[in-house]
């Protein structure tokens, strides 16, 4: 029986040299991390730059337009993190383990299950946000013109949630199989197209209708559909190392993805809700406070390409090495990645905490907006290195299918954010105090994550 199973596994798997996972089982750790992360970092930076550029384009429409876009940002951040860092982490982890164990058919079946999950999740997300959006944005402080613009932008953006979800999860599948270049090039193409199309639709250039903030949503949806078409064509072609084709649906494959993906999605929800809570706190102060916090927190998003790019590289390296039974190397990957990323984002944090105008001055000269944004960066930006530790241990936990401690750390940050928001809303604390509590929560969460990593075994 064993011989027959071994023979069947050999027939169903490509030769070892053809497996992308073999490239991550040997060699220097940092160079492997950089090789896998760099394409993703570069193109995600371009994508984040598009988001920042949209804020710049929208800023020409006035403070109310900036406030409208800022109201939608937390919800968009929620969908992005739940799909890519949440469920997408489960996809990458499951496929990396299958690849490391040389089970190519299983990896491709997982890719098909990914499409099913994405379609269902995208449909649910679209339905909920379109129905609940107006009430949500009103609760965050939106009113009048800013609320109307936010709802119009949101309905367009989240009406295209299904192609967005499928695109995000298929890219996570390719990264889990060790293919980072194709997702990177597709994201880059979409970002470049968005940089061209977004200002045209926002401002009504070249004879296009002047759509205002809603134009940014139309541009993003069109670019996502185009990028998804390219991904599907590639994954259906013989040149893809991970083919997209129909497989019978199996509960164990849904479990392999969602067993890590669902808890990670909850983690992402808490992270996004923390941003939403602080937006509500800012909304209780003024429209200028919403705009100031929104602009300052966009810098946090600029760090995501580095943390997410190296984090997904860590998922691939950790998952593939664990699939191959190399536990010690997998843990070394995690530590090298944490130290490197914390160093990079920490430098950025120190610079902007000392010179916040370098960032804020790109978007506004309004003194009230600048005051709020500078207050946030002075307090929170020095902790960017610590945020890097939290993020990278979370991604390593996804690759190892050990996410209990990262989840506890996220709960701690979420509770702090809620407490800070309630104190501001009830008039017991200023917005500055809320920012201080955010910084404290970062330090607490990092301590929990490190203790969890040191206490948790990956070999069972």
Protein backbone atom coordinates (compact mmCIF):
# COMPACT_ATOMS: atom_id res chain seq x y z
CA UNK A 1 0.00 0.00 0.00
CA UNK A 2 2.75 2.48 0.95
CA UNK A 3 4.69 1.71 -2.21
CA UNK A 4 1.59 2.27 -4.32
CA UNK A 5 0.89 5.62 -2.65
CA UNK A 6 4.48 6.73 -3.08
CA UNK A 7 4.38 5.74 -6.74
CA UNK A 8 1.13 7.68 -7.27
CA UNK A 9 2.55 10.76 -5.53
CA UNK A 10 5.62 10.65 -7.73
CA UNK A 11 3.46 10.43 -10.87
CA UNK A 12 1.24 13.33 -9.81
CA UNK A 13 4.13 15.64 -8.86
CA UNK A 14 6.49 17.46 -11.23
CA UNK A 15 10.18 16.66 -11.02
CA UNK A 16 11.81 18.34 -8.04
CA UNK A 17 13.77 20.85 -10.12
CA UNK A 18 10.56 22.16 -11.66
CA UNK A 19 9.02 23.08 -8.33
CA UNK A 20 9.36 26.78 -7.43
CA UNK A 21 9.39 25.81 -3.78
CA UNK A 22 12.85 24.23 -4.15
CA UNK A 23 14.35 27.68 -4.65
CA UNK A 24 13.45 28.69 -1.10
CA UNK A 25 14.69 25.59 0.72
CA UNK A 26 18.38 26.44 0.49
CA UNK A 27 20.71 29.41 0.40
CA UNK A 28 21.15 32.61 2.44
CA UNK A 29 17.97 33.65 4.22
CA UNK A 30 18.08 37.41 3.73
CA UNK A 31 18.87 37.22 0.02
CA UNK A 32 16.01 34.74 -0.44
CA UNK A 33 13.66 37.03 1.46
CA UNK A 34 14.71 40.02 -0.63
CA UNK A 35 14.40 38.05 -3.88
CA UNK A 36 10.85 37.02 -3.04
CA UNK A 37 9.80 40.30 -1.43
CA UNK A 38 11.32 42.96 -3.66
CA UNK A 39 8.98 42.63 -6.66
CA UNK A 40 5.96 42.71 -4.35
CA UNK A 41 7.34 45.64 -2.34
CA UNK A 42 7.99 47.72 -5.46
CA UNK A 43 4.61 47.20 -7.06
CA UNK A 44 2.66 47.49 -3.81
CA UNK A 45 4.46 50.76 -3.24
CA UNK A 46 3.18 51.83 -6.64
CA UNK A 47 -0.33 50.76 -5.65
CA UNK A 48 -0.11 52.64 -2.37
CA UNK A 49 1.30 55.60 -4.27
CA UNK A 50 -1.88 55.47 -6.35
CA UNK A 51 -3.92 55.73 -3.15
CA UNK A 52 -1.80 58.65 -1.98
CA UNK A 53 -2.00 60.25 -5.44
CA UNK A 54 -5.78 59.97 -5.33
CA UNK A 55 -5.72 61.91 -2.07
CA UNK A 56 -3.64 64.52 -3.86
CA UNK A 57 -6.01 64.63 -6.83
CA UNK A 58 -9.02 64.84 -4.51
CA UNK A 59 -7.36 67.57 -2.41
CA UNK A 60 -7.88 70.00 -5.30
CA UNK A 61 -11.64 69.60 -4.72
CA UNK A 62 -11.47 70.99 -1.17
CA UNK A 63 -11.45 69.85 2.47
CA UNK A 64 -14.91 68.26 2.26
CA UNK A 65 -13.76 66.05 -0.61
CA UNK A 66 -10.67 65.01 1.39
CA UNK A 67 -12.93 64.21 4.35
CA UNK A 68 -15.22 62.14 2.08
CA UNK A 69 -12.31 60.05 0.82
CA UNK A 70 -10.97 59.70 4.37
CA UNK A 71 -14.31 58.30 5.56
CA UNK A 72 -14.10 55.50 2.98
CA UNK A 73 -10.41 54.72 3.56
CA UNK A 74 -10.95 52.58 6.72
CA UNK A 75 -13.53 50.41 4.94
CA UNK A 76 -11.31 50.01 1.88
CA UNK A 77 -8.43 49.18 4.20
CA UNK A 78 -10.67 46.57 5.84
CA UNK A 79 -11.44 44.86 2.52
CA UNK A 80 -7.82 45.00 1.41
CA UNK A 81 -6.40 43.57 4.62
CA UNK A 82 -9.09 40.91 5.03
CA UNK A 83 -8.59 39.69 1.46
CA UNK A 84 -4.82 39.93 1.12
CA UNK A 85 -3.40 39.66 4.65
CA UNK A 86 -6.32 37.65 6.07
CA UNK A 87 -7.81 35.04 3.75
CA UNK A 88 -4.91 35.59 1.34
CA UNK A 89 -2.48 34.58 4.08
CA UNK A 90 -4.38 31.32 4.49
CA UNK A 91 -4.20 30.75 0.72
CA UNK A 92 -0.45 31.40 0.55
CA UNK A 93 0.25 29.25 3.60
CA UNK A 94 -1.75 26.25 2.34
CA UNK A 95 -0.27 26.37 -1.16
CA UNK A 96 3.28 26.91 0.15
CA UNK A 97 3.00 23.81 2.34
CA UNK A 98 1.61 21.74 -0.53
CA UNK A 99 4.41 22.97 -2.79
CA UNK A 100 7.10 22.27 -0.20
CA UNK A 101 5.74 18.72 0.20
CA UNK A 102 5.73 18.28 -3.63
CA UNK A 103 1.94 17.89 -3.86
CA UNK A 104 1.35 19.90 -7.03
CA UNK A 105 -2.17 18.61 -7.71
CA UNK A 106 -3.20 19.62 -4.21
CA UNK A 107 -1.70 23.09 -4.72
CA UNK A 108 -3.72 23.58 -7.91
CA UNK A 109 -6.90 22.28 -6.28
CA UNK A 110 -6.36 24.82 -3.50
CA UNK A 111 -6.09 27.54 -6.16
CA UNK A 112 -9.52 26.58 -7.53
CA UNK A 113 -11.02 26.59 -4.05
CA UNK A 114 -9.53 30.06 -3.67
CA UNK A 115 -11.71 31.35 -6.53
CA UNK A 116 -14.86 29.99 -4.89
CA UNK A 117 -13.98 31.57 -1.54
CA UNK A 118 -13.19 34.90 -3.20
CA UNK A 119 -16.47 35.04 -5.13
CA UNK A 120 -18.54 34.37 -2.01
CA UNK A 121 -16.57 36.75 0.20
CA UNK A 122 -16.59 39.53 -2.40
CA UNK A 123 -20.35 39.24 -2.90
CA UNK A 124 -21.03 39.38 0.84
CA UNK A 125 -18.70 42.33 1.32
CA UNK A 126 -20.32 44.26 -1.53
CA UNK A 127 -23.82 43.64 -0.21
CA UNK A 128 -23.04 44.66 3.38
CA UNK A 129 -21.12 47.83 2.53
CA UNK A 130 -23.60 49.10 -0.06
CA UNK A 131 -26.50 48.60 2.37
CA UNK A 132 -24.79 49.80 5.55
CA UNK A 133 -22.41 52.40 4.09
CA UNK A 134 -24.51 55.56 4.61
CA UNK A 135 -25.17 54.79 8.27
CA UNK A 136 -21.53 53.83 8.83
CA UNK A 137 -20.09 57.00 7.32
CA UNK A 138 -22.63 59.11 9.22
CA UNK A 139 -21.51 57.46 12.46
CA UNK A 140 -17.91 58.33 11.60
CA UNK A 141 -18.77 62.02 11.49
CA UNK A 142 -19.78 62.44 7.85
CA UNK A 143 -22.52 64.95 7.09
CA UNK A 144 -23.81 67.09 4.27
CA UNK A 145 -21.67 67.23 1.15
CA UNK A 146 -18.84 65.10 2.59
CA UNK A 147 -21.31 62.30 3.44
CA UNK A 148 -22.95 62.40 0.01
CA UNK A 149 -19.59 62.21 -1.75
CA UNK A 150 -18.40 59.39 0.52
CA UNK A 151 -21.52 57.28 -0.20
CA UNK A 152 -21.25 57.79 -3.96
CA UNK A 153 -17.54 56.86 -3.94
CA UNK A 154 -18.16 53.86 -1.67
CA UNK A 155 -21.04 52.41 -3.73
CA UNK A 156 -18.93 52.41 -6.88
CA UNK A 157 -15.81 51.09 -5.21
CA UNK A 158 -17.43 48.25 -3.27
CA UNK A 159 -19.85 47.41 -6.07
CA UNK A 160 -16.77 45.91 -7.71
CA UNK A 161 -15.76 43.84 -4.67
CA UNK A 162 -16.01 40.41 -6.35
CA UNK A 163 -13.32 40.97 -9.03
CA UNK A 164 -11.18 42.68 -6.40
CA UNK A 165 -11.37 39.64 -4.09
CA UNK A 166 -10.65 37.12 -6.83
CA UNK A 167 -7.69 39.19 -7.99
CA UNK A 168 -6.24 39.48 -4.46
CA UNK A 169 -6.58 35.78 -3.64
CA UNK A 170 -5.22 34.49 -6.96
CA UNK A 171 -2.18 36.70 -6.49
CA UNK A 172 -1.79 35.23 -2.99
CA UNK A 173 -1.97 31.74 -4.54
CA UNK A 174 0.82 32.53 -6.99
CA UNK A 175 3.00 34.00 -4.23
CA UNK A 176 2.43 30.91 -2.10
CA UNK A 177 3.74 28.81 -5.00
CA UNK A 178 6.88 30.96 -5.13
CA UNK A 179 5.87 33.03 -8.16
CA UNK A 180 6.19 36.66 -7.14
CA UNK A 181 7.11 38.23 -10.48
CA UNK A 182 3.81 37.73 -12.31
CA UNK A 183 1.61 39.14 -9.50
CA UNK A 184 4.08 42.02 -9.18
CA UNK A 185 3.93 42.91 -12.88
CA UNK A 186 0.13 42.73 -12.90
CA UNK A 187 -0.17 44.97 -9.85
CA UNK A 188 2.34 47.38 -11.41
CA UNK A 189 0.32 47.57 -14.62
CA UNK A 190 -2.87 48.22 -12.68
CA UNK A 191 -1.21 50.96 -10.60
CA UNK A 192 0.17 52.74 -13.67
CA UNK A 193 -3.23 52.56 -15.37
CA UNK A 194 -4.86 53.92 -12.21
CA UNK A 195 -2.43 56.84 -11.99
CA UNK A 196 -3.47 57.80 -15.51
CA UNK A 197 -7.19 57.08 -15.33
CA UNK A 198 -7.97 58.37 -11.82
CA UNK A 199 -7.16 62.09 -12.32
CA UNK A 200 -8.88 62.01 -15.72
CA UNK A 201 -12.15 60.87 -14.15
CA UNK A 202 -11.83 62.92 -10.96
CA UNK A 203 -11.14 66.20 -12.78
CA UNK A 204 -12.90 65.58 -16.09
CA UNK A 205 -9.80 65.81 -18.25
CA UNK A 206 -9.64 64.81 -21.94
CA UNK A 207 -13.38 65.22 -22.38
CA UNK A 208 -14.29 62.70 -19.65
CA UNK A 209 -17.13 63.55 -17.24
CA UNK A 210 -15.97 65.33 -14.08
CA UNK A 211 -16.92 62.74 -11.47
CA UNK A 212 -15.13 64.14 -8.42
CA UNK A 213 -14.31 61.66 -5.65
CA UNK A 214 -16.46 58.99 -7.36
CA UNK A 215 -14.05 59.02 -10.31
CA UNK A 216 -11.39 57.41 -8.13
CA UNK A 217 -13.77 54.51 -7.45
CA UNK A 218 -14.60 54.01 -11.14
CA UNK A 219 -10.89 54.00 -12.02
CA UNK A 220 -10.06 51.39 -9.37
CA UNK A 221 -12.89 49.05 -10.41
CA UNK A 222 -11.95 49.20 -14.10
CA UNK A 223 -8.27 48.57 -13.33
CA UNK A 224 -9.13 45.60 -11.07
CA UNK A 225 -11.25 43.96 -13.77
CA UNK A 226 -8.50 44.39 -16.35
CA UNK A 227 -5.85 43.00 -13.95
CA UNK A 228 -8.02 40.00 -13.07
CA UNK A 229 -8.44 39.16 -16.75
CA UNK A 230 -4.67 39.06 -17.16
CA UNK A 231 -4.21 36.85 -14.07
CA UNK A 232 -6.80 34.32 -15.26
CA UNK A 233 -5.34 34.14 -18.77
CA UNK A 234 -1.85 33.58 -17.33
CA UNK A 235 -2.90 30.91 -14.83
CA UNK A 236 -4.79 29.03 -17.56
CA UNK A 237 -1.68 28.97 -19.75
CA UNK A 238 1.04 26.25 -19.77
CA UNK A 239 3.66 28.80 -18.68
CA UNK A 240 2.14 29.12 -15.19
CA UNK A 241 3.71 27.00 -12.45
CA UNK A 242 0.32 26.98 -10.71
CA UNK A 243 -2.48 26.23 -13.16
CA UNK A 244 -6.04 27.43 -12.67
CA UNK A 245 -8.53 24.69 -13.57
CA UNK A 246 -11.62 23.08 -12.15
CA UNK A 247 -11.29 20.55 -9.35
CA UNK A 248 -13.95 18.79 -7.27
CA UNK A 249 -14.71 20.86 -4.20
CA UNK A 250 -13.40 19.27 -1.00
CA UNK A 251 -14.05 20.26 2.58
CA UNK A 252 -10.45 19.60 3.60
CA UNK A 253 -9.15 22.12 1.07
CA UNK A 254 -11.55 24.78 2.25
CA UNK A 255 -10.41 23.95 5.79
CA UNK A 256 -6.72 24.20 4.82
CA UNK A 257 -7.29 27.76 3.59
CA UNK A 258 -9.88 28.99 6.06
CA UNK A 259 -8.31 27.34 9.12
CA UNK A 260 -5.63 30.04 8.91
CA UNK A 261 -7.52 32.53 6.74
CA UNK A 262 -10.60 33.09 8.92
CA UNK A 263 -8.74 33.85 12.16
CA UNK A 264 -6.39 36.03 10.13
CA UNK A 265 -9.39 37.79 8.61
CA UNK A 266 -10.73 38.48 12.11
CA UNK A 267 -7.31 39.87 12.93
CA UNK A 268 -7.51 42.11 9.85
CA UNK A 269 -11.01 43.24 10.81
CA UNK A 270 -9.80 44.31 14.24
CA UNK A 271 -6.91 46.20 12.67
CA UNK A 272 -9.18 48.04 10.24
CA UNK A 273 -11.78 48.71 12.96
CA UNK A 274 -9.06 50.29 15.05
CA UNK A 275 -8.46 52.77 12.22
CA UNK A 276 -12.22 53.25 11.86
CA UNK A 277 -12.59 53.93 15.60
CA UNK A 278 -9.87 56.57 15.51
CA UNK A 279 -11.53 58.13 12.46
CA UNK A 280 -14.73 58.36 14.52
CA UNK A 281 -12.78 60.01 17.33
CA UNK A 282 -11.39 62.54 14.86
CA UNK A 283 -14.89 63.06 13.46
CA UNK A 284 -16.07 64.07 16.91
CA UNK A 285 -13.58 66.93 16.84
CA UNK A 286 -14.02 68.46 13.36
CA UNK A 287 -13.91 67.87 9.62
CA UNK A 288 -10.35 69.20 9.66
CA UNK A 289 -9.44 66.56 12.25
CA UNK A 290 -10.81 63.80 10.01
CA UNK A 291 -8.75 65.15 7.12
CA UNK A 292 -5.61 65.54 9.25
CA UNK A 293 -5.79 62.04 10.70
CA UNK A 294 -6.66 60.65 7.27
CA UNK A 295 -3.61 62.21 5.63
CA UNK A 296 -1.26 61.19 8.47
CA UNK A 297 -2.55 57.61 8.56
CA UNK A 298 -1.98 57.34 4.81
CA UNK A 299 1.71 57.27 5.67
CA UNK A 300 1.04 54.10 7.66
CA UNK A 301 -0.29 52.68 4.39
CA UNK A 302 2.97 53.62 2.63
CA UNK A 303 4.76 51.24 5.01
CA UNK A 304 2.44 48.39 4.09
CA UNK A 305 4.29 47.54 0.85
CA UNK A 306 7.47 46.81 2.81
CA UNK A 307 5.76 44.95 5.64
CA UNK A 308 3.36 43.06 3.39
CA UNK A 309 5.95 42.28 0.72
CA UNK A 310 8.43 40.80 3.18
CA UNK A 311 5.59 39.27 5.18
CA UNK A 312 4.26 37.31 2.20
CA UNK A 313 7.83 36.29 1.37
CA UNK A 314 8.11 34.98 4.94
CA UNK A 315 4.85 33.03 4.54
CA UNK A 316 6.26 31.33 1.43
CA UNK A 317 9.64 30.57 3.00
CA UNK A 318 8.23 29.46 6.36
CA UNK A 319 5.42 27.38 4.85
CA UNK A 320 7.60 25.72 2.21
CA UNK A 321 10.35 24.87 4.68
CA UNK A 322 7.86 23.46 7.19
CA UNK A 323 6.25 21.45 4.39
CA UNK A 324 9.69 20.01 3.68
CA UNK A 325 10.25 19.31 7.41
CA UNK A 326 12.90 22.00 7.95
CA UNK A 327 11.63 23.57 11.18
CA UNK A 328 14.84 25.23 12.36
CA UNK A 329 15.31 27.05 9.06
CA UNK A 330 11.69 28.20 9.11
CA UNK A 331 12.16 29.86 12.52
CA UNK A 332 15.40 31.51 11.38
CA UNK A 333 13.50 32.94 8.43
CA UNK A 334 11.03 34.53 10.81
CA UNK A 335 13.67 36.22 12.98
CA UNK A 336 15.79 37.51 10.09
CA UNK A 337 12.69 38.94 8.47
CA UNK A 338 11.53 40.67 11.67
CA UNK A 339 14.89 42.33 12.29
CA UNK A 340 15.30 43.53 8.71
CA UNK A 341 11.79 44.96 8.28
CA UNK A 342 11.76 46.62 11.71
CA UNK A 343 15.00 48.38 10.83
CA UNK A 344 13.71 49.68 7.50
CA UNK A 345 10.32 51.02 8.66
CA UNK A 346 11.86 52.31 11.90
CA UNK A 347 14.10 54.71 9.98
CA UNK A 348 11.08 56.10 8.13
CA UNK A 349 9.24 56.56 11.41
CA UNK A 350 12.06 58.51 13.03
CA UNK A 351 12.34 60.88 10.06
CA UNK A 352 8.63 61.74 9.80
CA UNK A 353 8.24 62.04 13.57
CA UNK A 354 10.90 64.75 13.54
CA UNK A 355 9.80 66.40 10.30
CA UNK A 356 6.07 65.71 9.81
CA UNK A 357 5.70 68.60 7.37
CA UNK A 358 7.70 66.58 4.82
CA UNK A 359 4.62 64.38 4.48
CA UNK A 360 1.71 66.62 5.42
CA UNK A 361 2.87 69.49 3.24
CA UNK A 362 2.35 67.37 0.14
CA UNK A 363 -1.42 67.49 0.64
CA UNK A 364 -2.50 70.60 2.50
CA UNK A 365 -1.47 73.92 3.98
CA UNK A 366 -4.56 74.18 6.19
CA UNK A 367 -3.20 74.85 9.68
CA UNK A 368 -5.93 72.90 11.49
CA UNK A 369 -5.44 69.84 9.30
CA UNK A 370 -1.66 70.02 9.66
CA UNK A 371 -1.87 70.34 13.45
CA UNK A 372 -3.83 67.09 13.82
CA UNK A 373 -1.65 65.19 11.35
CA UNK A 374 1.57 66.38 12.99
CA UNK A 375 0.26 65.40 16.41
CA UNK A 376 -0.35 61.86 15.20
CA UNK A 377 3.06 61.51 13.55
CA UNK A 378 4.96 62.97 16.52
CA UNK A 379 3.46 60.34 18.83
CA UNK A 380 2.96 57.22 16.68
CA UNK A 381 5.67 57.34 14.00
CA UNK A 382 8.55 56.60 16.45
CA UNK A 383 6.87 53.21 17.00
CA UNK A 384 6.92 52.19 13.32
CA UNK A 385 9.79 49.75 13.98
CA UNK A 386 7.67 48.08 16.67
CA UNK A 387 4.75 47.87 14.24
CA UNK A 388 7.14 46.07 11.89
CA UNK A 389 7.82 43.46 14.57
CA UNK A 390 4.09 42.88 15.07
CA UNK A 391 3.35 42.55 11.36
CA UNK A 392 6.21 40.21 10.50
CA UNK A 393 5.60 37.83 13.42
CA UNK A 394 1.96 37.73 12.34
CA UNK A 395 2.93 36.69 8.80
CA UNK A 396 5.40 34.11 10.12
CA UNK A 397 2.61 32.69 12.27
CA UNK A 398 0.42 32.37 9.17
CA UNK A 399 3.13 30.40 7.38
CA UNK A 400 3.51 28.14 10.40
CA UNK A 401 -0.25 27.90 10.99
CA UNK A 402 0.35 29.26 14.50
CA UNK A 403 -1.60 32.49 14.86
CA UNK A 404 -2.98 32.38 18.41
CA UNK A 405 -0.45 34.81 19.88
CA UNK A 406 -0.60 37.26 16.96
CA UNK A 407 -4.38 37.21 17.42
CA UNK A 408 -4.04 38.03 21.12
CA UNK A 409 -1.74 40.92 20.21
CA UNK A 410 -4.31 42.25 17.75
CA UNK A 411 -7.07 42.03 20.37
CA UNK A 412 -4.92 44.11 22.70
CA UNK A 413 -4.41 46.83 20.06
CA UNK A 414 -8.11 46.80 19.22
CA UNK A 415 -9.16 47.21 22.85
CA UNK A 416 -6.80 50.15 23.28
CA UNK A 417 -8.20 51.80 20.13
CA UNK A 418 -11.78 51.35 21.37
CA UNK A 419 -10.94 52.75 24.79
CA UNK A 420 -9.20 55.74 23.22
CA UNK A 421 -12.19 56.43 20.98
CA UNK A 422 -14.73 56.16 23.80
CA UNK A 423 -12.68 58.53 25.97
CA UNK A 424 -12.58 61.11 23.17
CA UNK A 425 -16.27 60.74 22.32
CA UNK A 426 -17.26 61.11 25.97
CA UNK A 427 -15.06 64.17 26.38
CA UNK A 428 -12.67 62.58 28.87
CA UNK A 429 -9.62 62.73 26.61
CA UNK A 430 -8.22 64.78 23.76
CA UNK A 431 -7.33 63.42 20.34
CA UNK A 432 -3.66 63.70 21.34
CA UNK A 433 -4.30 61.40 24.32
CA UNK A 434 -5.92 58.93 21.94
CA UNK A 435 -2.75 58.94 19.84
CA UNK A 436 -0.67 58.27 22.97
CA UNK A 437 -2.87 55.25 23.78
CA UNK A 438 -2.32 54.00 20.22
CA UNK A 439 1.44 54.15 20.78
CA UNK A 440 1.11 52.27 24.09
CA UNK A 441 -1.00 49.60 22.39
CA UNK A 442 1.73 49.06 19.80
CA UNK A 443 4.33 48.39 22.50
CA UNK A 444 1.98 45.99 24.34
CA UNK A 445 1.11 44.07 21.16
CA UNK A 446 4.77 43.69 20.18
CA UNK A 447 5.60 42.27 23.61
CA UNK A 448 2.77 39.73 23.32
CA UNK A 449 3.85 38.73 19.79
CA UNK A 450 7.49 38.18 20.79
CA UNK A 451 6.58 36.14 23.86
CA UNK A 452 4.23 34.04 21.76
CA UNK A 453 6.88 33.37 19.13
CA UNK A 454 9.40 32.27 21.76
CA UNK A 455 6.88 30.01 23.55
CA UNK A 456 5.28 28.34 20.52
CA UNK A 457 6.74 25.23 18.87
CA UNK A 458 6.45 24.77 15.11
CA UNK A 459 7.35 21.09 14.95
CA UNK A 460 3.97 19.67 15.97
